[in-house]
Amino acid sequence: MTKLLLIGLAALNITTAEVQDTAVSCTATATGPTFGFSGRMYFHFVTTCDAPVESITLNATVSGPTVVTGSVTCTQTDRCTFMLPVTYKRGTWTWTNDSVYTAEGSSVETKTMTFIQ
């Protein structure tokens, strides 16, 4: 059933993962790409928690004909977003949201989410 859900989400260009090692649960999402007028693709990464946490570090990677990485740390929040712009090139692309959050004094990794197109 979980595989069917992930396949269904992949068909929508959305992938998610959830880990519950603390009382707070966070979900990593990788969506995209969207296209701009300047020939750029925009990959969107979001990590959302069901309650405010001390920090969320969102590590984003886009790989394909070009490799682009970036990260952002959001503090005292329940949501962290990041976008990576990449110049369009033909080929196969993968994008990954690999987030870590700190809640109740402990650091927890979300499951790494990778989408291939």
PDB file of N, CA and C in Angstrom:
ATOM      1  N   MET A   1       0.825  -1.188   0.000  1.00  0.00           N
ATOM      2  CA  MET A   1       0.000   0.000   0.000  1.00  0.00           C
ATOM      3  C   MET A   1       0.871   1.255   0.000  1.00  0.00           C
ATOM      4  N   THR A   2       1.935   1.243   0.817  1.00  0.00           N
ATOM      5  CA  THR A   2       2.828   2.404   0.863  1.00  0.00           C
ATOM      6  C   THR A   2       3.485   2.628  -0.487  1.00  0.00           C
ATOM      7  N   LYS A   3       3.890   1.538  -1.154  1.00  0.00           N
ATOM      8  CA  LYS A   3       4.517   1.680  -2.468  1.00  0.00           C
ATOM      9  C   LYS A   3       3.553   2.312  -3.456  1.00  0.00           C
ATOM     10  N   LEU A   4       2.283   1.904  -3.417  1.00  0.00           N
ATOM     11  CA  LEU A   4       1.294   2.493  -4.318  1.00  0.00           C
ATOM     12  C   LEU A   4       1.101   3.968  -4.028  1.00  0.00           C
ATOM     13  N   LEU A   5       1.104   4.343  -2.768  1.00  0.00           N
ATOM     14  CA  LEU A   5       0.973   5.746  -2.395  1.00  0.00           C
ATOM     15  C   LEU A   5       2.155   6.544  -2.915  1.00  0.00           C
ATOM     16  N   LEU A   6       3.377   6.051  -2.741  1.00  0.00           N
ATOM     17  CA  LEU A   6       4.557   6.761  -3.232  1.00  0.00           C
ATOM     18  C   LEU A   6       4.569   6.838  -4.750  1.00  0.00           C
ATOM     19  N   ILE A   7       4.126   5.773  -5.419  1.00  0.00           N
ATOM     20  CA  ILE A   7       4.053   5.816  -6.879  1.00  0.00           C
ATOM     21  C   ILE A   7       3.026   6.850  -7.309  1.00  0.00           C
ATOM     22  N   GLY A   8       1.888   6.894  -6.637  1.00  0.00           N
ATOM     23  CA  GLY A   8       0.870   7.895  -6.947  1.00  0.00           C
ATOM     24  C   GLY A   8       1.380   9.301  -6.721  1.00  0.00           C
ATOM     25  N   LEU A   9       2.088   9.527  -5.635  1.00  0.00           N
ATOM     26  CA  LEU A   9       2.649  10.849  -5.373  1.00  0.00           C
ATOM     27  C   LEU A   9       3.720  11.190  -6.394  1.00  0.00           C
ATOM     28  N   ALA A  10       4.515  10.217  -6.795  1.00  0.00           N
ATOM     29  CA  ALA A  10       5.552  10.476  -7.790  1.00  0.00           C
ATOM     30  C   ALA A  10       4.934  10.895  -9.118  1.00  0.00           C
ATOM     31  N   ALA A  11       3.787  10.347  -9.443  1.00  0.00           N
ATOM     32  CA  ALA A  11       3.116  10.734 -10.676  1.00  0.00           C
ATOM     33  C   ALA A  11       2.698  12.199 -10.643  1.00  0.00           C
ATOM     34  N   LEU A  12       2.518  12.746  -9.463  1.00  0.00           N
ATOM     35  CA  LEU A  12       2.165  14.157  -9.309  1.00  0.00           C
ATOM     36  C   LEU A  12       3.389  15.038  -9.120  1.00  0.00           C
ATOM     37  N   ASN A  13       4.581  14.480  -9.250  1.00  0.00           N
ATOM     38  CA  ASN A  13       5.844  15.194  -9.024  1.00  0.00           C
ATOM     39  C   ASN A  13       5.981  15.642  -7.576  1.00  0.00           C
ATOM     40  N   ILE A  14       5.407  14.908  -6.651  1.00  0.00           N
ATOM     41  CA  ILE A  14       5.499  15.224  -5.229  1.00  0.00           C
ATOM     42  C   ILE A  14       5.949  13.961  -4.508  1.00  0.00           C
ATOM     43  N   THR A  15       6.919  14.098  -3.614  1.00  0.00           N
ATOM     44  CA  THR A  15       7.307  12.970  -2.781  1.00  0.00           C
ATOM     45  C   THR A  15       7.395  13.444  -1.343  1.00  0.00           C
ATOM     46  N   THR A  16       7.063  12.570  -0.418  1.00  0.00           N
ATOM     47  CA  THR A  16       7.120  12.947   0.988  1.00  0.00           C
ATOM     48  C   THR A  16       7.656  11.789   1.812  1.00  0.00           C
ATOM     49  N   ALA A  17       8.139  12.132   2.995  1.00  0.00           N
ATOM     50  CA  ALA A  17       8.579  11.107   3.943  1.00  0.00           C
ATOM     51  C   ALA A  17       8.341  11.629   5.342  1.00  0.00           C
ATOM     52  N   GLU A  18       8.144  10.710   6.272  1.00  0.00           N
ATOM     53  CA  GLU A  18       7.862  11.121   7.635  1.00  0.00           C
ATOM     54  C   GLU A  18       8.614  10.223   8.607  1.00  0.00           C
ATOM     55  N   VAL A  19       9.154  10.818   9.661  1.00  0.00           N
ATOM     56  CA  VAL A  19       9.863  10.086  10.699  1.00  0.00           C
ATOM     57  C   VAL A  19       9.326  10.565  12.037  1.00  0.00           C
ATOM     58  N   GLN A  20       9.132   9.653  12.993  1.00  0.00           N
ATOM     59  CA  GLN A  20       8.587  10.043  14.285  1.00  0.00           C
ATOM     60  C   GLN A  20       9.456   9.522  15.416  1.00  0.00           C
ATOM     61  N   ASP A  21      10.682  10.038  15.550  1.00  0.00           N
ATOM     62  CA  ASP A  21      11.565   9.626  16.635  1.00  0.00           C
ATOM     63  C   ASP A  21      11.345  10.451  17.899  1.00  0.00           C
ATOM     64  N   THR A  22      10.682  11.596  17.801  1.00  0.00           N
ATOM     65  CA  THR A  22      10.353  12.417  18.956  1.00  0.00           C
ATOM     66  C   THR A  22       8.850  12.634  18.956  1.00  0.00           C
ATOM     67  N   ALA A  23       8.354  13.400  19.912  1.00  0.00           N
ATOM     68  CA  ALA A  23       6.929  13.706  19.957  1.00  0.00           C
ATOM     69  C   ALA A  23       6.514  14.565  18.769  1.00  0.00           C
ATOM     70  N   VAL A  24       7.469  15.226  18.146  1.00  0.00           N
ATOM     71  CA  VAL A  24       7.206  16.055  16.971  1.00  0.00           C
ATOM     72  C   VAL A  24       7.504  15.238  15.722  1.00  0.00           C
ATOM     73  N   SER A  25       6.646  15.359  14.731  1.00  0.00           N
ATOM     74  CA  SER A  25       6.835  14.667  13.465  1.00  0.00           C
ATOM     75  C   SER A  25       7.079  15.686  12.360  1.00  0.00           C
ATOM     76  N   CYS A  26       8.064  15.433  11.494  1.00  0.00           N
ATOM     77  CA  CYS A  26       8.368  16.335  10.381  1.00  0.00           C
ATOM     78  C   CYS A  26       8.307  15.574   9.068  1.00  0.00           C
ATOM     79  N   THR A  27       7.898  16.261   8.020  1.00  0.00           N
ATOM     80  CA  THR A  27       7.762  15.687   6.695  1.00  0.00           C
ATOM     81  C   THR A  27       8.621  16.463   5.710  1.00  0.00           C
ATOM     82  N   ALA A  28       9.458  15.763   4.963  1.00  0.00           N
ATOM     83  CA  ALA A  28      10.294  16.377   3.925  1.00  0.00           C
ATOM     84  C   ALA A  28       9.602  16.199   2.579  1.00  0.00           C
ATOM     85  N   THR A  29       9.521  17.282   1.804  1.00  0.00           N
ATOM     86  CA  THR A  29       8.858  17.254   0.509  1.00  0.00           C
ATOM     87  C   THR A  29       9.777  17.829  -0.553  1.00  0.00           C
ATOM     88  N   ALA A  30       9.780  17.212  -1.721  1.00  0.00           N
ATOM     89  CA  ALA A  30      10.531  17.728  -2.869  1.00  0.00           C
ATOM     90  C   ALA A  30       9.565  17.824  -4.042  1.00  0.00           C
ATOM     91  N   THR A  31       9.353  19.028  -4.554  1.00  0.00           N
ATOM     92  CA  THR A  31       8.396  19.262  -5.627  1.00  0.00           C
ATOM     93  C   THR A  31       9.078  19.978  -6.772  1.00  0.00           C
ATOM     94  N   GLY A  32       8.672  19.670  -7.974  1.00  0.00           N
ATOM     95  CA  GLY A  32       9.224  20.431  -9.083  1.00  0.00           C
ATOM     96  C   GLY A  32       9.383  19.577 -10.306  1.00  0.00           C
ATOM     97  N   PRO A  33       9.968  20.090 -11.305  1.00  0.00           N
ATOM     98  CA  PRO A  33      10.353  21.501 -11.393  1.00  0.00           C
ATOM     99  C   PRO A  33       9.221  22.356 -11.959  1.00  0.00           C
ATOM    100  N   THR A  34       9.307  23.642 -11.684  1.00  0.00           N
ATOM    101  CA  THR A  34       8.499  24.617 -12.396  1.00  0.00           C
ATOM    102  C   THR A  34       9.449  25.347 -13.329  1.00  0.00           C
ATOM    103  N   PHE A  35       8.915  25.956 -14.347  1.00  0.00           N
ATOM    104  CA  PHE A  35       9.760  26.580 -15.366  1.00  0.00           C
ATOM    105  C   PHE A  35       9.508  28.075 -15.433  1.00  0.00           C
ATOM    106  N   GLY A  36      10.593  28.840 -15.573  1.00  0.00           N
ATOM    107  CA  GLY A  36      10.511  30.284 -15.713  1.00  0.00           C
ATOM    108  C   GLY A  36      10.703  30.690 -17.163  1.00  0.00           C
ATOM    109  N   PHE A  37      10.478  31.964 -17.447  1.00  0.00           N
ATOM    110  CA  PHE A  37      10.610  32.481 -18.806  1.00  0.00           C
ATOM    111  C   PHE A  37      12.063  32.542 -19.269  1.00  0.00           C
ATOM    112  N   SER A  38      12.995  32.541 -18.350  1.00  0.00           N
ATOM    113  CA  SER A  38      14.410  32.711 -18.692  1.00  0.00           C
ATOM    114  C   SER A  38      15.127  31.389 -18.974  1.00  0.00           C
ATOM    115  N   GLY A  39      14.384  30.301 -19.157  1.00  0.00           N
ATOM    116  CA  GLY A  39      15.016  29.013 -19.415  1.00  0.00           C
ATOM    117  C   GLY A  39      15.552  28.348 -18.169  1.00  0.00           C
ATOM    118  N   ARG A  40      14.992  28.708 -17.024  1.00  0.00           N
ATOM    119  CA  ARG A  40      15.441  28.112 -15.767  1.00  0.00           C
ATOM    120  C   ARG A  40      14.355  27.206 -15.204  1.00  0.00           C
ATOM    121  N   MET A  41      14.800  26.163 -14.515  1.00  0.00           N
ATOM    122  CA  MET A  41      13.904  25.281 -13.783  1.00  0.00           C
ATOM    123  C   MET A  41      14.053  25.626 -12.306  1.00  0.00           C
ATOM    124  N   TYR A  42      12.951  25.555 -11.585  1.00  0.00           N
ATOM    125  CA  TYR A  42      12.962  25.866 -10.158  1.00  0.00           C
ATOM    126  C   TYR A  42      12.478  24.638  -9.394  1.00  0.00           C
ATOM    127  N   PHE A  43      13.358  24.111  -8.552  1.00  0.00           N
ATOM    128  CA  PHE A  43      13.040  22.955  -7.729  1.00  0.00           C
ATOM    129  C   PHE A  43      12.712  23.452  -6.321  1.00  0.00           C
ATOM    130  N   HIS A  44      11.583  22.976  -5.776  1.00  0.00           N
ATOM    131  CA  HIS A  44      11.076  23.480  -4.503  1.00  0.00           C
ATOM    132  C   HIS A  44      11.185  22.395  -3.432  1.00  0.00           C
ATOM    133  N   PHE A  45      11.683  22.784  -2.269  1.00  0.00           N
ATOM    134  CA  PHE A  45      11.899  21.875  -1.151  1.00  0.00           C
ATOM    135  C   PHE A  45      11.224  22.459   0.085  1.00  0.00           C
ATOM    136  N   VAL A  46      10.464  21.627   0.796  1.00  0.00           N
ATOM    137  CA  VAL A  46       9.770  22.074   2.005  1.00  0.00           C
ATOM    138  C   VAL A  46       9.892  20.979   3.056  1.00  0.00           C
ATOM    139  N   THR A  47      10.178  21.373   4.282  1.00  0.00           N
ATOM    140  CA  THR A  47      10.102  20.463   5.419  1.00  0.00           C
ATOM    141  C   THR A  47       9.129  21.081   6.410  1.00  0.00           C
ATOM    142  N   THR A  48       8.087  20.326   6.752  1.00  0.00           N
ATOM    143  CA  THR A  48       7.026  20.816   7.623  1.00  0.00           C
ATOM    144  C   THR A  48       6.914  19.910   8.843  1.00  0.00           C
ATOM    145  N   CYS A  49       6.797  20.518  10.014  1.00  0.00           N
ATOM    146  CA  CYS A  49       6.640  19.770  11.263  1.00  0.00           C
ATOM    147  C   CYS A  49       5.253  20.035  11.831  1.00  0.00           C
ATOM    148  N   ASP A  50       4.744  19.091  12.621  1.00  0.00           N
ATOM    149  CA  ASP A  50       3.410  19.269  13.184  1.00  0.00           C
ATOM    150  C   ASP A  50       3.399  20.149  14.430  1.00  0.00           C
ATOM    151  N   ALA A  51       4.556  20.638  14.836  1.00  0.00           N
ATOM    152  CA  ALA A  51       4.677  21.585  15.950  1.00  0.00           C
ATOM    153  C   ALA A  51       5.989  22.343  15.763  1.00  0.00           C
ATOM    154  N   PRO A  52       6.109  23.522  16.354  1.00  0.00           N
ATOM    155  CA  PRO A  52       7.380  24.252  16.232  1.00  0.00           C
ATOM    156  C   PRO A  52       8.542  23.440  16.812  1.00  0.00           C
ATOM    157  N   VAL A  53       9.687  23.513  16.141  1.00  0.00           N
ATOM    158  CA  VAL A  53      10.899  22.835  16.591  1.00  0.00           C
ATOM    159  C   VAL A  53      12.000  23.873  16.772  1.00  0.00           C
ATOM    160  N   GLU A  54      13.087  23.465  17.416  1.00  0.00           N
ATOM    161  CA  GLU A  54      14.195  24.392  17.654  1.00  0.00           C
ATOM    162  C   GLU A  54      14.848  24.822  16.346  1.00  0.00           C
ATOM    163  N   SER A  55      15.071  23.864  15.434  1.00  0.00           N
ATOM    164  CA  SER A  55      15.657  24.217  14.138  1.00  0.00           C
ATOM    165  C   SER A  55      15.363  23.131  13.113  1.00  0.00           C
ATOM    166  N   ILE A  56      15.343  23.549  11.854  1.00  0.00           N
ATOM    167  CA  ILE A  56      15.242  22.636  10.716  1.00  0.00           C
ATOM    168  C   ILE A  56      16.363  23.027   9.761  1.00  0.00           C
ATOM    169  N   THR A  57      17.218  22.079   9.418  1.00  0.00           N
ATOM    170  CA  THR A  57      18.232  22.315   8.390  1.00  0.00           C
ATOM    171  C   THR A  57      17.826  21.516   7.166  1.00  0.00           C
ATOM    172  N   LEU A  58      17.515  22.227   6.100  1.00  0.00           N
ATOM    173  CA  LEU A  58      17.065  21.617   4.860  1.00  0.00           C
ATOM    174  C   LEU A  58      18.240  21.600   3.886  1.00  0.00           C
ATOM    175  N   ASN A  59      18.669  20.410   3.499  1.00  0.00           N
ATOM    176  CA  ASN A  59      19.765  20.232   2.541  1.00  0.00           C
ATOM    177  C   ASN A  59      19.168  19.777   1.219  1.00  0.00           C
ATOM    178  N   ALA A  60      19.306  20.600   0.187  1.00  0.00           N
ATOM    179  CA  ALA A  60      18.707  20.320  -1.112  1.00  0.00           C
ATOM    180  C   ALA A  60      19.790  20.030  -2.142  1.00  0.00           C
ATOM    181  N   THR A  61      19.520  19.048  -3.001  1.00  0.00           N
ATOM    182  CA  THR A  61      20.440  18.707  -4.082  1.00  0.00           C
ATOM    183  C   THR A  61      19.642  18.455  -5.351  1.00  0.00           C
ATOM    184  N   VAL A  62      20.098  19.031  -6.446  1.00  0.00           N
ATOM    185  CA  VAL A  62      19.555  18.740  -7.772  1.00  0.00           C
ATOM    186  C   VAL A  62      20.710  18.191  -8.595  1.00  0.00           C
ATOM    187  N   SER A  63      20.520  17.005  -9.178  1.00  0.00           N
ATOM    188  CA  SER A  63      21.567  16.374  -9.986  1.00  0.00           C
ATOM    189  C   SER A  63      21.017  16.033 -11.356  1.00  0.00           C
ATOM    190  N   GLY A  64      21.859  16.165 -12.343  1.00  0.00           N
ATOM    191  CA  GLY A  64      21.498  15.850 -13.723  1.00  0.00           C
ATOM    192  C   GLY A  64      22.634  16.309 -14.602  1.00  0.00           C
ATOM    193  N   PRO A  65      22.321  16.909 -15.745  1.00  0.00           N
ATOM    194  CA  PRO A  65      23.379  17.493 -16.565  1.00  0.00           C
ATOM    195  C   PRO A  65      24.159  18.572 -15.805  1.00  0.00           C
ATOM    196  N   THR A  66      23.521  19.162 -14.803  1.00  0.00           N
ATOM    197  CA  THR A  66      24.148  20.134 -13.909  1.00  0.00           C
ATOM    198  C   THR A  66      23.870  19.694 -12.478  1.00  0.00           C
ATOM    199  N   VAL A  67      24.817  19.905 -11.557  1.00  0.00           N
ATOM    200  CA  VAL A  67      24.608  19.594 -10.144  1.00  0.00           C
ATOM    201  C   VAL A  67      24.597  20.897  -9.360  1.00  0.00           C
ATOM    202  N   VAL A  68      23.534  21.084  -8.568  1.00  0.00           N
ATOM    203  CA  VAL A  68      23.398  22.280  -7.736  1.00  0.00           C
ATOM    204  C   VAL A  68      22.989  21.827  -6.339  1.00  0.00           C
ATOM    205  N   THR A  69      23.630  22.388  -5.317  1.00  0.00           N
ATOM    206  CA  THR A  69      23.270  22.078  -3.939  1.00  0.00           C
ATOM    207  C   THR A  69      23.059  23.367  -3.169  1.00  0.00           C
ATOM    208  N   GLY A  70      22.343  23.264  -2.085  1.00  0.00           N
ATOM    209  CA  GLY A  70      22.144  24.407  -1.215  1.00  0.00           C
ATOM    210  C   GLY A  70      21.491  23.960   0.070  1.00  0.00           C
ATOM    211  N   SER A  71      21.565  24.800   1.076  1.00  0.00           N
ATOM    212  CA  SER A  71      20.920  24.470   2.343  1.00  0.00           C
ATOM    213  C   SER A  71      20.482  25.745   3.035  1.00  0.00           C
ATOM    214  N   VAL A  72      19.548  25.577   3.932  1.00  0.00           N
ATOM    215  CA  VAL A  72      19.051  26.687   4.729  1.00  0.00           C
ATOM    216  C   VAL A  72      18.706  26.126   6.104  1.00  0.00           C
ATOM    217  N   THR A  73      18.899  26.930   7.139  1.00  0.00           N
ATOM    218  CA  THR A  73      18.500  26.556   8.491  1.00  0.00           C
ATOM    219  C   THR A  73      17.450  27.540   8.970  1.00  0.00           C
ATOM    220  N   CYS A  74      16.327  27.009   9.388  1.00  0.00           N
ATOM    221  CA  CYS A  74      15.236  27.818   9.930  1.00  0.00           C
ATOM    222  C   CYS A  74      15.131  27.498  11.418  1.00  0.00           C
ATOM    223  N   THR A  75      14.930  28.509  12.258  1.00  0.00           N
ATOM    224  CA  THR A  75      14.878  28.292  13.704  1.00  0.00           C
ATOM    225  C   THR A  75      13.521  28.673  14.269  1.00  0.00           C
ATOM    226  N   GLN A  76      13.163  27.992  15.346  1.00  0.00           N
ATOM    227  CA  GLN A  76      11.927  28.245  16.087  1.00  0.00           C
ATOM    228  C   GLN A  76      10.727  28.336  15.149  1.00  0.00           C
ATOM    229  N   THR A  77      10.531  27.283  14.367  1.00  0.00           N
ATOM    230  CA  THR A  77       9.460  27.282  13.375  1.00  0.00           C
ATOM    231  C   THR A  77       8.948  25.866  13.152  1.00  0.00           C
ATOM    232  N   ASP A  78       7.842  25.751  12.429  1.00  0.00           N
ATOM    233  CA  ASP A  78       7.327  24.441  12.058  1.00  0.00           C
ATOM    234  C   ASP A  78       7.405  24.205  10.551  1.00  0.00           C
ATOM    235  N   ARG A  79       8.040  25.156   9.808  1.00  0.00           N
ATOM    236  CA  ARG A  79       8.113  25.034   8.348  1.00  0.00           C
ATOM    237  C   ARG A  79       9.384  25.698   7.829  1.00  0.00           C
ATOM    238  N   CYS A  80      10.066  25.018   6.911  1.00  0.00           N
ATOM    239  CA  CYS A  80      11.273  25.559   6.299  1.00  0.00           C
ATOM    240  C   CYS A  80      11.186  25.302   4.794  1.00  0.00           C
ATOM    241  N   THR A  81      11.435  26.340   3.992  1.00  0.00           N
ATOM    242  CA  THR A  81      11.343  26.208   2.542  1.00  0.00           C
ATOM    243  C   THR A  81      12.644  26.647   1.887  1.00  0.00           C
ATOM    244  N   PHE A  82      12.891  26.093   0.708  1.00  0.00           N
ATOM    245  CA  PHE A  82      14.092  26.433  -0.043  1.00  0.00           C
ATOM    246  C   PHE A  82      13.823  26.156  -1.515  1.00  0.00           C
ATOM    247  N   MET A  83      14.406  26.958  -2.400  1.00  0.00           N
ATOM    248  CA  MET A  83      14.251  26.765  -3.831  1.00  0.00           C
ATOM    249  C   MET A  83      15.620  26.822  -4.497  1.00  0.00           C
ATOM    250  N   LEU A  84      15.857  25.899  -5.410  1.00  0.00           N
ATOM    251  CA  LEU A  84      17.101  25.901  -6.182  1.00  0.00           C
ATOM    252  C   LEU A  84      16.774  26.167  -7.651  1.00  0.00           C
ATOM    253  N   PRO A  85      17.306  27.255  -8.225  1.00  0.00           N
ATOM    254  CA  PRO A  85      17.135  27.489  -9.660  1.00  0.00           C
ATOM    255  C   PRO A  85      18.262  26.813 -10.438  1.00  0.00           C
ATOM    256  N   VAL A  86      17.915  26.211 -11.562  1.00  0.00           N
ATOM    257  CA  VAL A  86      18.885  25.506 -12.395  1.00  0.00           C
ATOM    258  C   VAL A  86      18.586  25.849 -13.853  1.00  0.00           C
ATOM    259  N   THR A  87      19.610  26.136 -14.631  1.00  0.00           N
ATOM    260  CA  THR A  87      19.420  26.381 -16.056  1.00  0.00           C
ATOM    261  C   THR A  87      18.989  25.084 -16.731  1.00  0.00           C
ATOM    262  N   TYR A  88      17.948  25.167 -17.553  1.00  0.00           N
ATOM    263  CA  TYR A  88      17.400  23.977 -18.203  1.00  0.00           C
ATOM    264  C   TYR A  88      18.394  23.355 -19.180  1.00  0.00           C
ATOM    265  N   LYS A  89      18.516  22.040 -19.076  1.00  0.00           N
ATOM    266  CA  LYS A  89      19.264  21.234 -20.035  1.00  0.00           C
ATOM    267  C   LYS A  89      18.515  19.921 -20.176  1.00  0.00           C
ATOM    268  N   ARG A  90      18.542  19.345 -21.367  1.00  0.00           N
ATOM    269  CA  ARG A  90      17.888  18.056 -21.570  1.00  0.00           C
ATOM    270  C   ARG A  90      18.632  16.986 -20.792  1.00  0.00           C
ATOM    271  N   GLY A  91      17.876  16.044 -20.252  1.00  0.00           N
ATOM    272  CA  GLY A  91      18.497  14.950 -19.533  1.00  0.00           C
ATOM    273  C   GLY A  91      17.624  14.474 -18.393  1.00  0.00           C
ATOM    274  N   THR A  92      18.146  13.550 -17.633  1.00  0.00           N
ATOM    275  CA  THR A  92      17.455  13.009 -16.470  1.00  0.00           C
ATOM    276  C   THR A  92      17.875  13.796 -15.243  1.00  0.00           C
ATOM    277  N   TRP A  93      16.902  14.184 -14.438  1.00  0.00           N
ATOM    278  CA  TRP A  93      17.159  14.990 -13.240  1.00  0.00           C
ATOM    279  C   TRP A  93      16.703  14.236 -12.001  1.00  0.00           C
ATOM    280  N   THR A  94      17.444  14.379 -10.920  1.00  0.00           N
ATOM    281  CA  THR A  94      17.005  13.904  -9.607  1.00  0.00           C
ATOM    282  C   THR A  94      17.096  15.068  -8.646  1.00  0.00           C
ATOM    283  N   TRP A  95      16.159  15.141  -7.709  1.00  0.00           N
ATOM    284  CA  TRP A  95      16.255  16.175  -6.687  1.00  0.00           C
ATOM    285  C   TRP A  95      15.915  15.564  -5.342  1.00  0.00           C
ATOM    286  N   THR A  96      16.650  16.007  -4.328  1.00  0.00           N
ATOM    287  CA  THR A  96      16.623  15.373  -3.014  1.00  0.00           C
ATOM    288  C   THR A  96      16.454  16.401  -1.907  1.00  0.00           C
ATOM    289  N   ASN A  97      15.566  16.105  -0.976  1.00  0.00           N
ATOM    290  CA  ASN A  97      15.414  16.879   0.252  1.00  0.00           C
ATOM    291  C   ASN A  97      15.906  15.989   1.386  1.00  0.00           C
ATOM    292  N   ASP A  98      16.994  16.369   2.006  1.00  0.00           N
ATOM    293  CA  ASP A  98      17.600  15.615   3.103  1.00  0.00           C
ATOM    294  C   ASP A  98      17.642  16.551   4.307  1.00  0.00           C
ATOM    295  N   SER A  99      16.620  16.495   5.151  1.00  0.00           N
ATOM    296  CA  SER A  99      16.490  17.461   6.242  1.00  0.00           C
ATOM    297  C   SER A  99      16.802  16.849   7.599  1.00  0.00           C
ATOM    298  N   VAL A 100      17.253  17.705   8.492  1.00  0.00           N
ATOM    299  CA  VAL A 100      17.512  17.342   9.886  1.00  0.00           C
ATOM    300  C   VAL A 100      16.805  18.376  10.745  1.00  0.00           C
ATOM    301  N   TYR A 101      16.094  17.915  11.774  1.00  0.00           N
ATOM    302  CA  TYR A 101      15.462  18.870  12.678  1.00  0.00           C
ATOM    303  C   TYR A 101      15.846  18.569  14.117  1.00  0.00           C
ATOM    304  N   THR A 102      15.834  19.612  14.934  1.00  0.00           N
ATOM    305  CA  THR A 102      16.133  19.480  16.355  1.00  0.00           C
ATOM    306  C   THR A 102      14.864  19.777  17.134  1.00  0.00           C
ATOM    307  N   ALA A 103      14.438  18.806  17.929  1.00  0.00           N
ATOM    308  CA  ALA A 103      13.236  18.949  18.744  1.00  0.00           C
ATOM    309  C   ALA A 103      13.498  18.318  20.098  1.00  0.00           C
ATOM    310  N   GLU A 104      13.062  18.981  21.129  1.00  0.00           N
ATOM    311  CA  GLU A 104      13.204  18.472  22.492  1.00  0.00           C
ATOM    312  C   GLU A 104      14.650  18.101  22.799  1.00  0.00           C
ATOM    313  N   GLY A 105      15.592  18.869  22.256  1.00  0.00           N
ATOM    314  CA  GLY A 105      17.002  18.668  22.547  1.00  0.00           C
ATOM    315  C   GLY A 105      17.691  17.577  21.759  1.00  0.00           C
ATOM    316  N   SER A 106      16.956  16.844  20.909  1.00  0.00           N
ATOM    317  CA  SER A 106      17.604  15.793  20.125  1.00  0.00           C
ATOM    318  C   SER A 106      17.472  16.086  18.635  1.00  0.00           C
ATOM    319  N   SER A 107      18.495  15.679  17.899  1.00  0.00           N
ATOM    320  CA  SER A 107      18.537  15.901  16.460  1.00  0.00           C
ATOM    321  C   SER A 107      18.006  14.661  15.746  1.00  0.00           C
ATOM    322  N   VAL A 108      17.091  14.863  14.809  1.00  0.00           N
ATOM    323  CA  VAL A 108      16.449  13.763  14.101  1.00  0.00           C
ATOM    324  C   VAL A 108      16.524  14.034  12.604  1.00  0.00           C
ATOM    325  N   GLU A 109      16.889  13.012  11.831  1.00  0.00           N
ATOM    326  CA  GLU A 109      16.903  13.156  10.380  1.00  0.00           C
ATOM    327  C   GLU A 109      15.570  12.698   9.813  1.00  0.00           C
ATOM    328  N   THR A 110      15.051  13.446   8.833  1.00  0.00           N
ATOM    329  CA  THR A 110      13.913  12.933   8.090  1.00  0.00           C
ATOM    330  C   THR A 110      14.451  11.923   7.095  1.00  0.00           C
ATOM    331  N   LYS A 111      13.596  11.082   6.584  1.00  0.00           N
ATOM    332  CA  LYS A 111      14.029  10.171   5.533  1.00  0.00           C
ATOM    333  C   LYS A 111      14.384  11.009   4.312  1.00  0.00           C
ATOM    334  N   THR A 112      15.470  10.671   3.648  1.00  0.00           N
ATOM    335  CA  THR A 112      15.888  11.387   2.446  1.00  0.00           C
ATOM    336  C   THR A 112      14.887  11.115   1.335  1.00  0.00           C
ATOM    337  N   MET A 113      14.390  12.176   0.719  1.00  0.00           N
ATOM    338  CA  MET A 113      13.430  12.037  -0.363  1.00  0.00           C
ATOM    339  C   MET A 113      14.091  12.394  -1.682  1.00  0.00           C
ATOM    340  N   THR A 114      14.063  11.473  -2.617  1.00  0.00           N
ATOM    341  CA  THR A 114      14.645  11.697  -3.939  1.00  0.00           C
ATOM    342  C   THR A 114      13.591  11.423  -4.997  1.00  0.00           C
ATOM    343  N   PHE A 115      13.514  12.303  -5.979  1.00  0.00           N
ATOM    344  CA  PHE A 115      12.587  12.124  -7.090  1.00  0.00           C
ATOM    345  C   PHE A 115      13.381  12.147  -8.380  1.00  0.00           C
ATOM    346  N   ILE A 116      13.044  11.271  -9.316  1.00  0.00           N
ATOM    347  CA  ILE A 116      13.761  11.184 -10.590  1.00  0.00           C
ATOM    348  C   ILE A 116      12.786  11.451 -11.726  1.00  0.00           C
ATOM    349  N   GLN A 117      13.221  12.273 -12.661  1.00  0.00           N
ATOM    350  CA  GLN A 117      12.394  12.536 -13.838  1.00  0.00           C
ATOM    351  C   GLN A 117      13.263  12.528 -15.065  1.00  0.00           C
TER     352      GLN A 117
END
